[in-house]
Amino acid sequence: MKNRSIALITGANRGIGLEVARQLSEKYFIVFLSTRSRQAGEAAAKSLQKNGADVRFIELDVAISARS
């Protein structure tokens, strides 16, 4: 089997992020879709999976700082 590219898209539960996830999945990317909200992210992933997309949800908040 041919190697597949992987994409991680933040803020992918709506708008531009969701559209990018949709387009990359149509090009046979494995898409990791991330959001701050688990519920919104899981719903977005399920909506793309209905069309056969290899989309996986991961909860991620890139705004959290490692500083104390």
N, C-alpha and C. Protein backbone atom coordinates (compact mmCIF):
# COMPACT_ATOMS: atom_id res chain seq x y z
N MET A 1 0.84 -1.18 0.00
CA MET A 1 0.00 0.00 0.00
C MET A 1 0.88 1.24 0.00
N LYS A 2 0.49 2.24 -0.73
CA LYS A 2 1.21 3.49 -0.83
C LYS A 2 1.17 4.25 0.50
N ASN A 3 2.29 4.88 0.85
CA ASN A 3 2.32 5.71 2.06
C ASN A 3 1.36 6.87 1.91
N ARG A 4 0.67 7.20 3.00
CA ARG A 4 -0.28 8.30 2.97
C ARG A 4 0.24 9.44 3.81
N SER A 5 -0.06 10.64 3.40
CA SER A 5 0.32 11.83 4.16
C SER A 5 -0.64 12.03 5.32
N ILE A 6 -0.14 12.69 6.36
CA ILE A 6 -0.92 12.97 7.55
C ILE A 6 -1.00 14.47 7.75
N ALA A 7 -2.18 14.96 8.13
CA ALA A 7 -2.36 16.39 8.41
C ALA A 7 -2.97 16.54 9.79
N LEU A 8 -2.51 17.56 10.52
CA LEU A 8 -3.10 17.94 11.80
C LEU A 8 -3.68 19.33 11.60
N ILE A 9 -4.98 19.46 11.81
CA ILE A 9 -5.65 20.75 11.60
C ILE A 9 -6.27 21.19 12.91
N THR A 10 -5.84 22.36 13.39
CA THR A 10 -6.40 22.91 14.62
C THR A 10 -7.62 23.76 14.29
N GLY A 11 -8.55 23.82 15.21
CA GLY A 11 -9.76 24.61 15.00
C GLY A 11 -10.58 24.09 13.83
N ALA A 12 -10.67 22.78 13.72
CA ALA A 12 -11.25 22.19 12.52
C ALA A 12 -12.71 21.78 12.66
N ASN A 13 -13.41 22.32 13.64
CA ASN A 13 -14.81 21.93 13.79
C ASN A 13 -15.76 22.82 13.00
N ARG A 14 -15.24 23.91 12.40
CA ARG A 14 -16.11 24.77 11.60
C ARG A 14 -15.26 25.65 10.69
N GLY A 15 -15.92 26.35 9.81
CA GLY A 15 -15.27 27.33 8.95
C GLY A 15 -14.14 26.79 8.09
N ILE A 16 -13.08 27.58 8.01
CA ILE A 16 -11.94 27.24 7.14
C ILE A 16 -11.29 25.92 7.57
N GLY A 17 -11.13 25.72 8.87
CA GLY A 17 -10.50 24.49 9.35
C GLY A 17 -11.25 23.24 8.92
N LEU A 18 -12.56 23.27 9.03
CA LEU A 18 -13.38 22.13 8.63
C LEU A 18 -13.30 21.90 7.12
N GLU A 19 -13.29 22.98 6.36
CA GLU A 19 -13.20 22.85 4.91
C GLU A 19 -11.84 22.29 4.49
N VAL A 20 -10.78 22.73 5.13
CA VAL A 20 -9.45 22.19 4.83
C VAL A 20 -9.41 20.70 5.16
N ALA A 21 -9.97 20.32 6.30
CA ALA A 21 -10.03 18.91 6.67
C ALA A 21 -10.79 18.10 5.62
N ARG A 22 -11.88 18.63 5.15
CA ARG A 22 -12.68 17.94 4.12
C ARG A 22 -11.88 17.76 2.84
N GLN A 23 -11.24 18.84 2.39
CA GLN A 23 -10.49 18.77 1.13
C GLN A 23 -9.29 17.84 1.22
N LEU A 24 -8.57 17.88 2.32
CA LEU A 24 -7.41 16.99 2.47
C LEU A 24 -7.85 15.53 2.55
N SER A 25 -8.96 15.28 3.22
CA SER A 25 -9.44 13.90 3.31
C SER A 25 -9.84 13.37 1.93
N GLU A 26 -10.34 14.25 1.08
CA GLU A 26 -10.68 13.84 -0.28
C GLU A 26 -9.44 13.50 -1.10
N LYS A 27 -8.29 14.03 -0.68
CA LYS A 27 -7.02 13.73 -1.35
C LYS A 27 -6.29 12.58 -0.64
N TYR A 28 -7.03 11.82 0.16
CA TYR A 28 -6.58 10.61 0.83
C TYR A 28 -5.55 10.86 1.94
N PHE A 29 -5.55 12.05 2.51
CA PHE A 29 -4.75 12.30 3.70
C PHE A 29 -5.42 11.62 4.89
N ILE A 30 -4.62 11.23 5.87
CA ILE A 30 -5.14 10.87 7.18
C ILE A 30 -5.20 12.19 7.94
N VAL A 31 -6.38 12.60 8.35
CA VAL A 31 -6.55 13.91 8.96
C VAL A 31 -6.82 13.77 10.46
N PHE A 32 -5.97 14.43 11.24
CA PHE A 32 -6.22 14.56 12.68
C PHE A 32 -6.87 15.92 12.87
N LEU A 33 -8.09 15.91 13.28
CA LEU A 33 -8.90 17.11 13.45
C LEU A 33 -8.88 17.47 14.93
N SER A 34 -8.47 18.69 15.26
CA SER A 34 -8.39 19.05 16.68
C SER A 34 -9.24 20.28 16.98
N THR A 35 -9.77 20.26 18.19
CA THR A 35 -10.58 21.37 18.68
C THR A 35 -10.40 21.47 20.19
N ARG A 36 -10.81 22.59 20.73
CA ARG A 36 -10.80 22.73 22.19
C ARG A 36 -12.00 22.01 22.80
N SER A 37 -13.07 21.92 22.04
CA SER A 37 -14.31 21.30 22.52
C SER A 37 -14.41 19.86 22.01
N ARG A 38 -14.39 18.92 22.91
CA ARG A 38 -14.51 17.51 22.53
C ARG A 38 -15.80 17.25 21.75
N GLN A 39 -16.91 17.79 22.23
CA GLN A 39 -18.21 17.55 21.59
C GLN A 39 -18.22 18.07 20.16
N ALA A 40 -17.74 19.29 19.95
CA ALA A 40 -17.72 19.87 18.60
C ALA A 40 -16.78 19.11 17.68
N GLY A 41 -15.63 18.72 18.20
CA GLY A 41 -14.65 17.98 17.39
C GLY A 41 -15.14 16.61 16.98
N GLU A 42 -15.75 15.90 17.92
CA GLU A 42 -16.27 14.58 17.59
C GLU A 42 -17.39 14.67 16.56
N ALA A 43 -18.22 15.68 16.68
CA ALA A 43 -19.31 15.87 15.71
C ALA A 43 -18.76 16.19 14.32
N ALA A 44 -17.75 17.03 14.26
CA ALA A 44 -17.14 17.38 12.97
C ALA A 44 -16.49 16.15 12.33
N ALA A 45 -15.76 15.38 13.13
CA ALA A 45 -15.11 14.17 12.60
C ALA A 45 -16.15 13.19 12.08
N LYS A 46 -17.21 12.99 12.82
CA LYS A 46 -18.26 12.06 12.39
C LYS A 46 -18.91 12.52 11.09
N SER A 47 -19.10 13.83 10.95
CA SER A 47 -19.72 14.34 9.72
C SER A 47 -18.85 14.06 8.50
N LEU A 48 -17.53 14.13 8.66
CA LEU A 48 -16.62 13.85 7.55
C LEU A 48 -16.48 12.34 7.33
N GLN A 49 -16.52 11.57 8.39
CA GLN A 49 -16.40 10.11 8.27
C GLN A 49 -17.57 9.50 7.52
N LYS A 50 -18.73 10.17 7.56
CA LYS A 50 -19.90 9.65 6.84
C LYS A 50 -19.64 9.52 5.35
N ASN A 51 -18.70 10.33 4.83
CA ASN A 51 -18.36 10.28 3.41
C ASN A 51 -17.12 9.44 3.16
N GLY A 52 -16.72 8.64 4.16
CA GLY A 52 -15.60 7.74 3.98
C GLY A 52 -14.24 8.33 4.29
N ALA A 53 -14.19 9.52 4.83
CA ALA A 53 -12.92 10.18 5.13
C ALA A 53 -12.23 9.50 6.31
N ASP A 54 -10.90 9.44 6.24
CA ASP A 54 -10.09 8.91 7.35
C ASP A 54 -9.74 10.09 8.24
N VAL A 55 -10.68 10.47 9.09
CA VAL A 55 -10.55 11.62 9.98
C VAL A 55 -10.62 11.13 11.41
N ARG A 56 -9.70 11.61 12.21
CA ARG A 56 -9.64 11.20 13.62
C ARG A 56 -9.63 12.44 14.50
N PHE A 57 -10.42 12.43 15.54
CA PHE A 57 -10.51 13.56 16.45
C PHE A 57 -9.42 13.49 17.52
N ILE A 58 -8.83 14.64 17.83
CA ILE A 58 -7.91 14.76 18.95
C ILE A 58 -8.20 16.08 19.65
N GLU A 59 -8.41 16.03 20.96
CA GLU A 59 -8.69 17.26 21.71
C GLU A 59 -7.36 17.97 21.97
N LEU A 60 -7.29 19.25 21.57
CA LEU A 60 -6.06 20.00 21.68
C LEU A 60 -6.37 21.48 21.85
N ASP A 61 -5.78 22.11 22.84
CA ASP A 61 -5.92 23.55 23.04
C ASP A 61 -4.55 24.16 22.92
N VAL A 62 -4.24 24.75 21.78
CA VAL A 62 -2.92 25.33 21.54
C VAL A 62 -2.71 26.64 22.29
N ALA A 63 -3.74 27.14 22.93
CA ALA A 63 -3.63 28.40 23.67
C ALA A 63 -3.13 28.18 25.10
N ILE A 64 -3.06 26.96 25.56
CA ILE A 64 -2.57 26.70 26.91
C ILE A 64 -1.07 26.91 26.96
N SER A 65 -0.62 27.72 27.88
CA SER A 65 0.78 28.03 28.02
C SER A 65 1.46 27.06 28.98
N ALA A 66 2.71 26.72 28.71
CA ALA A 66 3.47 25.84 29.58
C ALA A 66 4.08 26.63 30.76
N ARG A 67 4.01 27.95 30.70
CA ARG A 67 4.57 28.77 31.77
C ARG A 67 3.68 28.75 32.98
N SER A 68 4.27 28.93 34.15
CA SER A 68 3.48 28.98 35.37
C SER A 68 3.23 30.42 35.79
